[in-house]
Protein backbone atom coordinates (compact mmCIF):
# COMPACT_ATOMS: atom_id res chain seq x y z
CA MET A 1 0.00 0.00 0.00
CA ILE A 2 2.90 2.33 0.60
CA PHE A 3 4.45 2.09 -2.89
CA PRO A 4 1.24 2.94 -4.81
CA ARG A 5 0.76 6.03 -2.66
CA ARG A 6 4.30 7.17 -3.42
CA ARG A 7 3.73 6.65 -7.13
CA THR A 8 0.49 8.67 -6.88
CA THR A 9 2.29 11.49 -5.07
CA ASN A 10 5.05 11.50 -7.68
CA SER A 11 2.44 11.59 -10.42
CA TYR A 12 0.78 14.63 -8.86
CA LEU A 13 4.14 16.40 -8.57
CA PHE A 14 4.89 15.59 -12.18
CA LEU A 15 1.54 16.99 -13.32
CA ILE A 16 2.05 20.17 -11.26
CA ARG A 17 5.52 20.71 -12.71
CA LEU A 18 4.20 20.10 -16.21
CA ALA A 19 1.42 22.65 -15.66
CA LEU A 20 3.96 25.24 -14.44
CA VAL A 21 6.16 24.65 -17.49
CA VAL A 22 3.20 25.03 -19.83
CA ALA A 23 2.03 28.20 -18.02
CA GLY A 24 5.54 29.66 -18.17
CA ALA A 25 5.79 28.90 -21.87
CA SER A 26 2.39 30.49 -22.41
CA LEU A 27 3.44 33.65 -20.56
CA LEU A 28 6.70 33.80 -22.49
CA GLY A 29 4.82 33.42 -25.75
CA HIS A 30 2.47 36.23 -24.70
CA ALA A 31 5.46 38.48 -23.87
CA ARG A 32 7.00 37.74 -27.24
CA ALA A 33 3.69 38.59 -28.89
CA GLU A 34 3.79 42.14 -27.54
CA ASN A 35 4.93 44.46 -30.30
CA VAL A 36 5.98 47.63 -28.43
CA ILE A 37 7.36 51.06 -29.21
CA LEU A 38 9.80 52.49 -26.65
CA TYR A 39 10.14 56.28 -26.45
CA LEU A 40 13.49 57.06 -24.79
CA LYS A 41 14.33 60.18 -22.78
CA SER A 42 17.05 60.98 -25.33
CA GLY A 43 14.37 61.41 -28.01
CA ASP A 44 15.07 58.12 -29.79
CA LYS A 45 12.40 55.53 -30.56
CA ILE A 46 12.84 51.74 -30.60
CA THR A 47 10.37 49.16 -31.96
CA GLY A 48 10.49 45.43 -31.26
CA PHE A 49 9.07 42.36 -29.50
CA VAL A 50 9.37 41.96 -25.73
CA VAL A 51 11.62 38.99 -24.98
CA SER A 52 11.78 39.43 -21.20
CA GLU A 53 11.42 42.11 -18.55
CA TYR A 54 13.32 42.50 -15.31
CA THR A 55 13.18 44.96 -12.43
CA ASN A 56 15.68 47.34 -14.05
CA ARG A 57 15.72 46.53 -17.78
CA LEU A 58 13.67 45.36 -20.74
CA VAL A 59 14.94 42.96 -23.45
CA LEU A 60 13.65 43.43 -27.01
CA SER A 61 14.12 41.59 -30.29
CA ASN A 62 13.70 43.11 -33.74
CA ASN A 63 15.02 42.79 -37.29
CA TRP A 64 18.37 44.36 -36.41
CA VAL A 65 19.17 43.03 -32.95
CA LYS A 66 18.23 39.65 -31.48
CA ASP A 67 18.53 40.64 -27.79
CA LEU A 68 18.55 44.38 -27.07
CA SER A 69 18.70 45.33 -23.38
CA VAL A 70 17.17 48.74 -22.54
CA PRO A 71 17.39 50.17 -18.97
CA LEU A 72 13.94 51.08 -17.61
CA LYS A 73 15.23 54.42 -16.32
CA GLU A 74 15.97 55.48 -19.92
CA ILE A 75 12.36 54.83 -21.07
CA GLU A 76 10.09 57.88 -21.19
CA LYS A 77 7.04 55.84 -22.18
CA ARG A 78 6.11 52.69 -24.07
CA GLU A 79 3.03 51.47 -25.86
CA ILE A 80 1.82 48.29 -27.54
CA THR A 81 0.93 48.85 -31.17
CA ALA A 82 -0.65 45.54 -32.30
CA VAL A 83 -0.56 41.82 -31.67
CA PRO A 84 1.36 40.11 -34.52
CA GLY A 85 -0.89 38.27 -36.97
CA THR A 86 -3.89 40.49 -36.17
CA ASN A 87 -5.09 44.02 -36.77
CA ARG A 88 -6.23 44.34 -33.14
CA LEU A 89 -4.73 47.08 -30.99
CA ALA A 90 -3.82 46.28 -27.41
CA GLY A 91 -6.29 47.24 -24.67
CA THR A 92 -6.18 50.83 -23.48
CA ASN A 93 -6.03 49.74 -19.86
CA LEU A 94 -2.83 47.79 -20.54
CA VAL A 95 -1.27 50.72 -22.41
CA ALA A 96 -2.13 53.07 -19.56
CA LYS A 97 -0.62 50.62 -17.07
CA LEU A 98 2.63 50.38 -19.05
CA LYS A 99 2.89 54.18 -19.31
CA ALA A 100 2.33 54.49 -15.57
CA GLN A 101 5.05 51.91 -14.88
CA ALA A 102 7.50 53.79 -17.14
CA LYS A 103 6.80 57.07 -15.34
CA LEU A 104 7.48 55.43 -11.97
CA THR A 105 11.08 54.82 -13.03
CA GLN A 106 11.84 58.54 -12.65
CA PRO A 107 11.03 60.63 -9.56
CA PRO A 108 8.48 63.42 -10.03
CA ALA A 109 9.91 66.94 -10.29
CA PRO A 110 9.47 69.06 -7.16
CA LYS A 111 6.72 71.66 -7.59
CA LEU A 112 9.19 74.44 -6.85
CA PHE A 113 11.38 73.60 -9.86
CA LYS A 114 8.99 72.21 -12.47
CA TYR A 115 8.64 75.64 -14.11
CA TRP A 116 12.41 76.30 -14.16
CA LYS A 117 14.89 75.40 -16.89
CA GLY A 118 18.60 76.14 -17.06
CA GLU A 119 21.62 75.76 -19.28
CA ALA A 120 25.32 76.07 -18.43
CA GLU A 121 28.04 75.82 -21.06
CA VAL A 122 31.79 76.36 -21.39
CA GLY A 123 34.06 76.47 -24.40
CA LEU A 124 37.67 76.97 -25.51
CA ASP A 125 38.72 78.13 -28.98
CA VAL A 126 42.44 77.65 -29.74
CA ILE A 127 44.89 78.43 -32.56
CA TYR A 128 48.52 77.30 -32.36
CA ASN A 129 50.93 78.63 -34.98
CA THR A 130 53.29 81.60 -35.18
CA ALA A 131 50.86 83.43 -32.92
CA ASN A 132 49.08 81.27 -30.34
CA GLN A 133 45.53 82.26 -29.49
CA GLN A 134 43.19 80.95 -26.79
CA THR A 135 39.67 82.19 -26.12
CA TYR A 136 37.78 81.02 -23.04
CA HIS A 137 34.03 81.60 -22.86
CA GLY A 138 31.10 80.54 -20.74
CA ARG A 139 27.37 81.13 -20.55
CA PHE A 140 24.61 80.52 -18.02
CA THR A 141 20.87 80.80 -18.73
CA LEU A 142 18.01 80.39 -16.27
CA SER A 143 14.38 80.64 -17.40
CA TYR A 144 11.03 80.48 -15.63
CA GLU A 145 7.84 79.76 -17.57
CA ARG A 146 4.46 79.28 -15.91
CA PRO A 147 1.01 79.04 -17.49
CA TYR A 148 -1.87 81.15 -16.20
CA ALA A 149 -4.32 79.40 -13.93
CA SER A 150 -7.18 80.84 -16.02
CA ASP A 151 -5.68 79.86 -19.41
CA SER A 152 -2.99 77.20 -19.82
CA LYS A 153 -2.13 78.57 -23.31
CA ARG A 154 -0.92 81.91 -21.90
CA PHE A 155 2.32 82.25 -19.94
CA PHE A 156 4.39 84.41 -17.65
CA ARG A 157 8.07 84.14 -18.62
CA ASN A 158 11.38 85.36 -17.24
CA THR A 159 14.83 84.63 -18.67
CA THR A 160 18.19 85.60 -17.16
CA ASP A 161 21.29 85.28 -19.32
CA PHE A 162 24.92 85.75 -18.21
CA SER A 163 28.02 85.36 -20.40
CA VAL A 164 31.74 85.97 -20.03
CA GLU A 165 34.63 85.78 -22.50
CA TYR A 166 38.37 86.25 -22.30
CA GLY A 167 40.97 85.65 -25.00
CA LYS A 168 44.68 86.26 -25.49
CA ILE A 169 47.28 86.12 -28.28
CA GLU A 170 50.89 85.10 -27.66
CA GLN A 171 53.50 85.88 -30.29
CA LYS A 172 57.17 86.71 -30.64
CA VAL A 173 58.11 90.30 -31.54
CA ASN A 174 61.84 90.83 -32.18
CA GLY A 175 62.57 87.59 -30.37
CA VAL A 176 60.52 88.56 -27.30
CA ARG A 177 57.28 86.71 -26.54
CA GLN A 178 54.42 89.11 -25.87
CA THR A 179 50.86 88.48 -24.72
CA VAL A 180 48.01 90.69 -25.89
CA ALA A 181 44.34 90.39 -24.90
CA SER A 182 42.14 89.57 -27.87
CA SER A 183 38.83 89.43 -26.00
CA ASP A 184 37.69 90.71 -22.64
CA LYS A 185 33.98 91.19 -22.08
CA MET A 186 31.05 90.29 -19.89
CA GLY A 187 27.30 90.71 -20.23
CA ALA A 188 24.05 89.99 -18.42
CA SER A 189 20.41 90.48 -19.37
CA ASP A 190 16.99 89.83 -17.87
CA LYS A 191 13.79 89.70 -19.88
CA THR A 192 10.27 89.45 -18.43
CA SER A 193 7.15 88.94 -20.56
CA PHE A 194 3.40 88.57 -19.93
CA ASP A 195 0.97 87.06 -22.42
CA ILE A 196 -1.96 89.46 -22.86
CA THR A 197 -3.72 87.18 -25.34
CA ARG A 198 -2.60 83.93 -26.90
CA ARG A 199 -0.81 85.98 -29.58
CA TRP A 200 0.11 89.34 -28.04
CA TYR A 201 2.41 89.89 -25.07
CA SER A 202 4.26 92.70 -23.33
CA TYR A 203 7.90 92.58 -22.22
CA ASN A 204 10.61 94.49 -20.41
CA LEU A 205 14.32 94.03 -21.17
CA VAL A 206 17.26 95.01 -18.94
CA GLY A 207 20.92 94.54 -19.85
CA VAL A 208 24.37 95.44 -18.54
CA GLY A 209 27.91 94.63 -19.68
CA ASP A 210 31.30 95.76 -20.90
CA ASP A 211 33.73 95.09 -23.77
CA LEU A 212 37.22 96.36 -23.08
CA ILE A 213 38.57 95.36 -26.49
CA GLN A 214 35.88 97.56 -28.09
CA ASN A 215 36.79 100.27 -25.54
CA ILE A 216 33.38 100.05 -23.80
CA ARG A 217 33.78 100.35 -20.05
CA LEU A 218 30.08 100.03 -19.23
CA ARG A 219 26.91 99.57 -21.24
CA VAL A 220 23.42 99.66 -19.68
CA GLU A 221 20.07 99.35 -21.44
CA GLU A 222 16.45 99.12 -20.37
CA GLY A 223 13.19 99.29 -22.25
CA PRO A 224 9.63 97.94 -22.55
CA GLY A 225 7.80 96.80 -25.66
CA MET A 226 5.16 94.59 -27.25
CA GLY A 227 5.54 91.19 -28.90
CA TYR A 228 3.54 88.91 -31.17
CA HIS A 229 3.68 85.09 -31.31
CA LEU A 230 3.72 84.68 -35.08
CA LEU A 231 4.10 80.88 -34.97
CA THR A 232 3.58 78.54 -32.03
CA LEU A 233 3.97 75.05 -33.53
CA THR A 234 5.38 72.10 -31.62
CA ASN A 235 8.72 72.30 -33.45
CA TRP A 236 8.65 75.86 -34.82
CA VAL A 237 8.25 79.06 -32.79
CA VAL A 238 8.62 82.59 -34.22
CA ASN A 239 8.21 85.84 -32.24
CA LEU A 240 8.24 89.48 -33.40
CA GLU A 241 8.91 92.39 -31.02
CA GLY A 242 9.00 96.17 -31.06
CA GLY A 243 9.59 98.82 -28.40
CA VAL A 244 11.93 101.50 -27.08
CA ASP A 245 15.31 101.06 -25.44
CA TYR A 246 17.21 103.60 -23.34
CA GLN A 247 20.97 102.99 -23.61
CA VAL A 248 23.86 104.37 -21.59
CA GLN A 249 27.43 103.71 -22.74
CA ASN A 250 30.61 104.84 -20.95
CA ASN A 251 33.79 104.43 -22.98
CA THR A 252 37.41 103.97 -21.94
CA ASP A 253 38.34 107.38 -23.44
CA ASP A 254 35.96 109.05 -20.93
CA THR A 255 33.33 109.77 -23.58
CA HIS A 256 29.78 108.60 -23.15
CA THR A 257 26.42 108.40 -24.87
CA ARG A 258 22.92 108.46 -23.39
CA ASP A 259 19.94 108.30 -25.68
CA PHE A 260 16.73 106.51 -26.65
CA PHE A 261 16.69 103.92 -29.41
CA TYR A 262 13.86 102.06 -31.06
CA ARG A 263 14.06 98.28 -30.76
CA ILE A 264 12.89 95.94 -33.55
CA ALA A 265 13.59 92.26 -32.86
CA GLU A 266 12.68 88.72 -33.83
CA ASP A 267 13.60 85.26 -32.64
CA VAL A 268 13.13 81.79 -34.14
CA ASN A 269 13.33 78.42 -32.40
CA TRP A 270 13.29 75.44 -34.78
CA LYS A 271 13.47 71.89 -33.42
CA ILE A 272 14.81 70.13 -36.50
CA ASN A 273 14.61 66.69 -34.89
CA PRO A 274 14.56 65.32 -31.32
CA ARG A 275 18.32 65.91 -30.99
CA THR A 276 18.97 69.03 -33.10
CA THR A 277 17.75 72.58 -32.48
CA LEU A 278 18.39 75.83 -34.36
CA VAL A 279 17.90 79.16 -32.53
CA GLU A 280 18.19 82.54 -34.27
CA LYS A 281 17.85 86.01 -32.71
CA ALA A 282 18.27 89.51 -34.14
CA GLU A 283 17.87 93.02 -32.66
CA PHE A 284 17.94 96.30 -34.58
CA PHE A 285 18.35 99.59 -32.65
CA PRO A 286 17.89 102.78 -34.73
CA ARG A 287 18.40 105.98 -32.78
CA VAL A 288 15.22 108.00 -32.30
CA ASP A 289 16.54 110.68 -34.68
CA PHE A 290 17.77 107.92 -37.09
CA SER A 291 21.28 109.41 -37.07
CA GLU A 292 22.84 106.03 -36.22
CA TYR A 293 21.90 102.45 -35.45
CA ARG A 294 23.18 99.35 -33.68
CA LEU A 295 22.63 95.72 -34.61
CA ARG A 296 22.99 92.44 -32.74
CA ALA A 297 22.40 88.97 -34.23
CA GLU A 298 23.02 85.43 -33.04
CA LEU A 299 22.62 81.96 -34.60
CA THR A 300 23.07 78.76 -32.54
CA LEU A 301 22.96 75.16 -33.76
CA SER A 302 22.69 72.72 -30.83
CA TYR A 303 22.95 68.91 -30.82
CA ASN A 304 22.00 66.70 -27.88
CA LEU A 305 24.77 64.18 -27.22
CA TRP A 306 23.30 62.25 -24.30
CA ARG A 307 20.34 63.02 -22.06
CA TYR A 308 21.13 66.49 -20.63
CA VAL A 309 24.52 67.01 -22.34
CA TYR A 310 24.74 68.96 -25.60
CA VAL A 311 27.26 70.61 -27.91
CA ASN A 312 26.61 73.73 -29.95
CA THR A 313 28.14 76.17 -32.39
CA THR A 314 27.24 79.86 -32.14
CA VAL A 315 27.79 82.70 -34.59
CA ARG A 316 27.39 86.24 -33.15
CA ASP A 317 27.65 89.55 -34.93
CA SER A 318 27.32 93.11 -33.64
CA TYR A 319 27.54 96.37 -35.58
CA ASP A 320 27.65 100.01 -34.50
CA THR A 321 27.65 102.86 -37.02
CA ARG A 322 29.46 105.06 -34.45
CA PRO A 323 31.98 102.86 -32.65
CA VAL A 324 34.34 104.13 -29.96
CA VAL A 325 37.54 105.70 -31.30
CA GLY A 326 40.04 102.93 -31.97
CA ALA A 327 37.40 100.19 -32.26
CA GLU A 328 36.02 98.46 -35.33
CA PRO A 329 32.34 99.00 -36.20
CA ASN A 330 31.72 95.27 -36.74
CA GLU A 331 32.53 92.35 -34.46
CA LEU A 332 32.03 88.74 -35.64
CA GLU A 333 32.49 85.71 -33.36
CA ILE A 334 32.21 81.96 -33.90
CA HIS A 335 32.26 79.74 -30.81
CA SER A 336 31.75 76.07 -29.98
CA ALA A 337 30.81 74.95 -26.49
CA LEU A 338 29.87 71.92 -24.41
CA GLY A 339 26.87 72.39 -22.14
CA VAL A 340 24.42 70.75 -19.78
CA LYS A 341 20.69 71.30 -19.31
CA PHE A 342 18.90 71.05 -15.98
């Protein structure tokens, strides 16, 4: 009587193990049947079949890679497109659950900082030949953008921008090595704007800086104006602005100017693709009596290398019809920099 009972017990265990194997195979087959699209934080998109999922990574298979391991912390969201062999989309409840799981992999932003964005970048331009030249430059930008409680399409914005640049040239003159400054300037600006309607807004711009190579000891400007959101697409934003600007400039030769200027400006922000952005800005300042004018323009091409790290190339040009004695009317700069967003 004992041996038959043992055989019966072993038979039950065998059947249980067989059921577990079949259930595991069924679950694995279901996982492989999930055709998903992964949207990464870097802006990239990956499509494939789920092979397996762990606590910290997801393994996919597609036409290019048999086993592709993707960390969960790099996934912004994911969704199931269709079950292979059918035209049936996955259930909305399952998609919502997957999106919620992806969002849990990153901590929510504190309420105090969710409206803030910043950029910090540094760069070094070098030339080594008969005359060695090094130019060090850095820039820091902090912006605050918050929608109105009454209308989420209208915003209050404030942007603070600070930049510094220093360059030098080393060369031999009559056998003696001499060092001459090629760039020495600093500048800061703060711009505040309020959306009046979804198209029109008002702004106030304040700026201060110096440029010792251009013989400018101190330059201060301040002025209000009106702006118009010409385009507000997801990847293409264009703004037009007009106003007045009071400028004070003290020069190194003890001369100075104080006068009102008109300000006509425009800026364009074009997101070419998830990694590449082109930003263009231009400001035209004719004097109120139109006896002179000043011009500032800037073009920046930025490429995201990895998550919050980017590299960019910037072209800046400024022109003054009445420069300080000993200075050139036009100044053209081309810089490359490595930066981080936060």
